[in-house]
């Protein structure tokens, strides 16, 4: 199942970031802790240039905590500042603020030496659609200045937001990139809601999710749906078992597979299956 999604507004958003990057000091890149590699837009590295960088592993409450720690170590070893964040509850946000101030300390002290008493810290928050940028910014700003939603594409243009006394935040629309590296990257983005469901075949996507879960966490399907699984089981047959177990039966004893597919995806995203990481750090 090949997935590609790069509507025109994302190309525009990329240009917007490029045009405004000179105005900021720190680039805060939000990644989905469940899929840190798949959610890391390769274009951000070139857009950010030599700016200070912070990687925020957002939605860490939805991922396997042990694997998330492994990801933090992986990125830290590459010289990146990494902070675990749950923007819904606000955890990790204060650490992002503290790290931003730490990264800016030399510039602030230099400006004081030149007689400039106050130096605002200007940050840009970037990431893929539906990674939680607006919710993160609302916590950072201590209010609700940015629109939020549970679907990709809520933020349509740039917004400058005042936060605290020394923070100016540039919020930008979520952007993907023109061509995903491989099939699994596209699937991971679709599983987690970064690609609009409207353009997806939800039945096929649910079958792919079952295939992925059978490889990494088959026990999650067994525990949630009380079904039997055996090595080599056909994913479509497993979807059929889930529908039967949930009682999604239409007239004539036919399983409502479309409803089953939607419920499976909703319950995965809503951690009804538990905290699941779809990716592990690659072996060096």
Protein backbone atom coordinates (compact mmCIF):
# COMPACT_ATOMS: atom_id res chain seq x y z
CA UNK A 1 0.00 0.00 0.00
CA UNK A 2 1.84 3.08 -1.27
CA UNK A 3 0.94 6.35 0.47
CA UNK A 4 1.94 9.84 -0.67
CA UNK A 5 0.35 13.12 0.46
CA UNK A 6 1.84 16.53 -0.31
CA UNK A 7 -0.91 19.07 -1.04
CA UNK A 8 -0.05 22.53 -2.32
CA UNK A 9 -0.38 24.25 1.05
CA UNK A 10 2.54 22.18 2.38
CA UNK A 11 4.85 23.48 -0.35
CA UNK A 12 3.69 26.98 0.59
CA UNK A 13 4.33 26.27 4.28
CA UNK A 14 7.86 25.11 3.50
CA UNK A 15 8.53 28.40 1.69
CA UNK A 16 7.06 30.27 4.67
CA UNK A 17 9.52 28.60 7.06
CA UNK A 18 12.43 29.32 4.72
CA UNK A 19 11.44 32.99 4.45
CA UNK A 20 11.18 33.43 8.23
CA UNK A 21 13.98 31.22 9.54
CA UNK A 22 16.38 34.18 9.73
CA UNK A 23 14.09 35.77 12.34
CA UNK A 24 14.40 32.93 14.86
CA UNK A 25 17.10 31.72 17.23
CA UNK A 26 15.91 28.22 18.12
CA UNK A 27 14.16 25.56 16.04
CA UNK A 28 11.96 23.25 18.13
CA UNK A 29 11.09 20.17 16.10
CA UNK A 30 8.26 18.01 17.40
CA UNK A 31 8.43 14.31 16.60
CA UNK A 32 5.82 11.65 17.31
CA UNK A 33 7.42 9.44 19.97
CA UNK A 34 5.72 6.38 18.46
CA UNK A 35 7.44 6.94 15.10
CA UNK A 36 10.47 9.21 15.61
CA UNK A 37 12.11 8.40 12.28
CA UNK A 38 8.96 8.39 10.18
CA UNK A 39 7.83 11.69 11.71
CA UNK A 40 11.19 13.43 11.23
CA UNK A 41 10.83 15.57 8.14
CA UNK A 42 14.20 15.45 6.32
CA UNK A 43 13.57 18.94 4.92
CA UNK A 44 13.79 20.47 8.40
CA UNK A 45 17.52 19.80 8.65
CA UNK A 46 18.23 21.95 5.61
CA UNK A 47 15.63 24.58 6.54
CA UNK A 48 17.04 24.98 10.06
CA UNK A 49 20.58 25.56 8.84
CA UNK A 50 22.89 26.43 11.75
CA UNK A 51 20.14 27.45 14.19
CA UNK A 52 20.02 25.99 17.69
CA UNK A 53 17.93 22.80 17.62
CA UNK A 54 15.72 20.98 20.12
CA UNK A 55 14.00 17.68 19.38
CA UNK A 56 10.81 17.24 21.39
CA UNK A 57 9.53 13.66 21.41
CA UNK A 58 5.85 14.52 21.73
CA UNK A 59 3.00 12.11 22.53
CA UNK A 60 5.47 10.20 24.68
CA UNK A 61 2.48 9.06 26.75
CA UNK A 62 1.26 7.05 23.74
CA UNK A 63 4.55 5.24 23.12
CA UNK A 64 6.32 2.37 24.87
CA UNK A 65 8.34 4.21 27.56
CA UNK A 66 11.31 1.83 27.37
CA UNK A 67 11.63 2.30 23.61
CA UNK A 68 11.20 6.07 23.96
CA UNK A 69 14.20 6.15 26.31
CA UNK A 70 16.15 4.25 23.65
CA UNK A 71 15.17 6.90 21.09
CA UNK A 72 16.28 9.69 23.40
CA UNK A 73 19.68 8.03 23.78
CA UNK A 74 19.88 7.48 20.02
CA UNK A 75 19.34 11.15 19.14
CA UNK A 76 21.45 12.41 22.05
CA UNK A 77 24.39 10.37 20.80
CA UNK A 78 24.03 12.24 17.52
CA UNK A 79 24.59 15.52 19.36
CA UNK A 80 20.95 16.65 19.51
CA UNK A 81 19.14 18.15 22.49
CA UNK A 82 16.23 15.77 23.16
CA UNK A 83 13.30 16.25 25.54
CA UNK A 84 10.35 13.92 26.17
CA UNK A 85 7.06 15.81 25.95
CA UNK A 86 3.39 15.17 26.60
CA UNK A 87 1.90 18.40 25.33
CA UNK A 88 -1.64 17.45 26.38
CA UNK A 89 -0.61 17.47 30.03
CA UNK A 90 2.24 19.93 29.63
CA UNK A 91 5.02 17.63 30.83
CA UNK A 92 8.39 18.43 29.30
CA UNK A 93 7.37 21.96 28.27
CA UNK A 94 9.32 23.66 31.08
CA UNK A 95 12.39 21.67 30.08
CA UNK A 96 12.06 22.92 26.51
CA UNK A 97 11.92 26.50 27.82
CA UNK A 98 14.95 25.93 30.05
CA UNK A 99 16.94 24.33 27.22
CA UNK A 100 16.05 27.21 24.87
CA UNK A 101 17.35 29.73 27.42
CA UNK A 102 20.48 27.65 27.95
CA UNK A 103 21.18 27.55 24.20
CA UNK A 104 20.69 31.32 24.00
CA UNK A 105 22.74 32.21 27.08
CA UNK A 106 25.90 33.18 25.19
CA UNK A 107 24.00 35.51 22.84
CA UNK A 108 22.10 37.07 25.76
CA UNK A 109 25.34 37.73 27.68
CA UNK A 110 27.03 39.17 24.58
CA UNK A 111 24.11 41.52 24.03
CA UNK A 112 24.27 42.65 27.65
CA UNK A 113 27.93 43.45 27.12
CA UNK A 114 26.91 45.71 24.25
CA UNK A 115 24.36 47.49 26.41
CA UNK A 116 21.28 45.57 25.26
CA UNK A 117 19.61 44.61 28.53
CA UNK A 118 16.74 42.53 27.14
CA UNK A 119 17.04 39.89 24.41
CA UNK A 120 13.84 38.05 23.47
CA UNK A 121 14.17 34.41 22.52
CA UNK A 122 12.52 33.78 19.17
CA UNK A 123 11.65 30.16 18.45
CA UNK A 124 9.89 28.38 15.63
CA UNK A 125 7.91 25.20 16.28
CA UNK A 126 7.91 22.80 13.34
CA UNK A 127 6.69 19.28 12.70
CA UNK A 128 4.46 17.05 10.64
CA UNK A 129 0.66 17.41 10.63
CA UNK A 130 -1.17 16.23 13.75
CA UNK A 131 2.01 15.91 15.81
CA UNK A 132 0.54 18.25 18.46
CA UNK A 133 2.25 21.56 17.66
CA UNK A 134 -0.68 23.82 18.52
CA UNK A 135 -1.34 22.04 21.83
CA UNK A 136 2.37 22.26 22.65
CA UNK A 137 2.44 25.99 21.86
CA UNK A 138 -0.66 26.60 23.98
CA UNK A 139 1.11 25.01 26.95
CA UNK A 140 4.29 26.95 26.17
CA UNK A 141 2.32 30.21 26.06
CA UNK A 142 0.30 29.37 29.16
CA UNK A 143 -3.05 29.81 27.44
CA UNK A 144 -4.88 29.02 24.24
CA UNK A 145 -3.59 31.41 21.57
CA UNK A 146 -3.25 28.79 18.83
CA UNK A 147 -6.02 26.77 17.25
CA UNK A 148 -5.95 23.07 18.07
CA UNK A 149 -7.56 19.97 16.62
CA UNK A 150 -7.33 16.20 16.37
CA UNK A 151 -6.87 16.20 12.62
CA UNK A 152 -3.97 17.25 10.39
CA UNK A 153 -3.99 20.70 8.84
CA UNK A 154 -5.60 22.86 11.55
CA UNK A 155 -2.90 25.56 11.38
CA UNK A 156 -3.11 27.18 7.93
CA UNK A 157 -0.58 30.03 8.09
CA UNK A 158 2.15 31.47 10.26
CA UNK A 159 1.30 32.93 13.66
CA UNK A 160 3.58 34.91 15.98
CA UNK A 161 2.63 34.20 19.58
CA UNK A 162 3.89 35.89 22.73
CA UNK A 163 4.81 33.48 25.52
CA UNK A 164 6.22 34.39 28.91
CA UNK A 165 8.13 37.65 29.05
CA UNK A 166 11.03 36.60 26.87
CA UNK A 167 9.59 34.14 24.33
CA UNK A 168 8.24 34.89 20.87
CA UNK A 169 6.98 31.78 19.09
CA UNK A 170 6.48 31.33 15.36
CA UNK A 171 3.84 28.67 14.75
CA UNK A 172 3.74 27.16 11.26
CA UNK A 173 1.52 24.63 9.48
CA UNK A 174 2.49 20.98 9.69
CA UNK A 175 4.43 19.84 6.67
CA UNK A 176 5.34 16.49 5.18
CA UNK A 177 7.78 16.05 2.31
CA UNK A 178 7.15 15.34 -1.38
CA UNK A 179 8.13 11.66 -1.38
CA UNK A 180 8.33 9.31 1.60
CA UNK A 181 11.52 7.30 1.95
CA UNK A 182 9.79 3.93 1.89
CA UNK A 183 6.39 2.28 2.09
CA UNK A 184 6.54 1.75 5.87
CA UNK A 185 7.20 5.45 6.50
CA UNK A 186 3.99 6.35 4.69
CA UNK A 187 2.07 3.66 6.56
CA UNK A 188 3.37 4.79 9.96
CA UNK A 189 2.33 8.36 9.21
CA UNK A 190 -1.13 7.16 8.17
CA UNK A 191 -1.51 4.86 11.19
CA UNK A 192 -0.89 7.78 13.57
CA UNK A 193 -3.14 10.25 11.74
CA UNK A 194 -0.52 12.49 10.08
CA UNK A 195 -2.09 11.75 6.69
CA UNK A 196 -5.74 12.70 6.25
CA UNK A 197 -8.08 9.75 6.65
CA UNK A 198 -10.23 11.24 3.88
CA UNK A 199 -7.73 10.18 1.24
CA UNK A 200 -7.16 6.72 2.71
CA UNK A 201 -8.74 3.33 2.11
CA UNK A 202 -9.39 2.61 5.78
CA UNK A 203 -9.94 -1.10 5.23
CA UNK A 204 -6.56 -1.55 3.53
CA UNK A 205 -4.89 0.67 6.13
CA UNK A 206 -6.30 -1.39 8.99
CA UNK A 207 -5.05 -4.60 7.36
CA UNK A 208 -1.57 -3.05 7.14
CA UNK A 209 -1.80 -2.01 10.80
CA UNK A 210 -2.66 -5.58 11.78
CA UNK A 211 0.30 -6.82 9.78
CA UNK A 212 2.59 -4.36 11.58
CA UNK A 213 1.21 -5.15 15.04
CA UNK A 214 1.58 -8.88 14.43
CA UNK A 215 5.28 -8.26 13.83
CA UNK A 216 5.97 -6.04 16.83
CA UNK A 217 3.23 -6.52 19.45
CA UNK A 218 0.81 -9.36 18.61
CA UNK A 219 -0.11 -9.68 22.29
CA UNK A 220 -1.80 -6.26 22.11
CA UNK A 221 -4.36 -7.59 19.62
CA UNK A 222 -4.91 -10.74 21.67
CA UNK A 223 -5.40 -8.83 24.92
CA UNK A 224 -7.71 -6.19 23.48
CA UNK A 225 -9.94 -8.32 21.28
CA UNK A 226 -9.67 -11.71 22.97
CA UNK A 227 -8.86 -13.45 19.69
CA UNK A 228 -6.54 -16.29 18.81
CA UNK A 229 -3.43 -15.54 16.78
CA UNK A 230 -1.00 -17.93 15.16
CA UNK A 231 2.17 -17.24 13.20
CA UNK A 232 1.41 -16.70 9.53
CA UNK A 233 -2.26 -15.80 10.03
CA UNK A 234 -3.71 -13.72 7.21
CA UNK A 235 -4.22 -10.06 8.37
CA UNK A 236 -7.60 -9.86 6.62
CA UNK A 237 -8.76 -12.94 8.47
CA UNK A 238 -7.57 -11.38 11.73
CA UNK A 239 -9.64 -8.26 10.94
CA UNK A 240 -12.60 -10.58 10.39
CA UNK A 241 -12.00 -12.17 13.84
CA UNK A 242 -11.82 -8.75 15.48
CA UNK A 243 -15.13 -7.72 13.89
CA UNK A 244 -16.76 -10.92 15.05
CA UNK A 245 -15.35 -10.54 18.56
CA UNK A 246 -16.68 -6.98 18.77
CA UNK A 247 -20.09 -8.01 17.49
CA UNK A 248 -19.96 -5.94 14.30
CA UNK A 249 -22.28 -8.31 12.43
CA UNK A 250 -24.69 -7.17 9.73
CA UNK A 251 -27.81 -8.96 8.54
CA UNK A 252 -27.02 -12.36 7.14
CA UNK A 253 -24.17 -12.91 9.63
CA UNK A 254 -21.80 -10.78 7.51
CA UNK A 255 -19.05 -8.99 9.42
CA UNK A 256 -19.05 -5.21 9.00
CA UNK A 257 -15.39 -4.97 8.04
CA UNK A 258 -15.43 -1.24 7.28
CA UNK A 259 -16.69 -0.44 10.77
CA UNK A 260 -14.18 -2.88 12.23
CA UNK A 261 -11.37 -1.16 10.33
CA UNK A 262 -12.35 2.29 11.61
CA UNK A 263 -12.68 1.07 15.20
CA UNK A 264 -9.29 -0.66 15.08
CA UNK A 265 -7.56 2.51 13.89
CA UNK A 266 -9.43 4.68 16.40
CA UNK A 267 -8.55 2.37 19.26
CA UNK A 268 -4.89 2.18 18.25
CA UNK A 269 -4.68 5.98 18.14
CA UNK A 270 -6.58 6.27 21.42
CA UNK A 271 -4.17 3.81 23.14
CA UNK A 272 -6.99 1.36 23.82
CA UNK A 273 -4.49 -1.29 22.68
CA UNK A 274 -1.88 0.12 25.05
CA UNK A 275 1.25 2.22 24.58
CA UNK A 276 2.85 1.02 21.37
CA UNK A 277 6.00 2.21 19.57
CA UNK A 278 6.00 1.34 15.89
CA UNK A 279 9.72 2.00 15.46
CA UNK A 280 12.89 1.12 17.30
CA UNK A 281 16.23 2.93 16.88
CA UNK A 282 18.22 1.45 14.01
CA UNK A 283 21.27 -0.60 14.87
CA UNK A 284 24.49 1.20 14.12
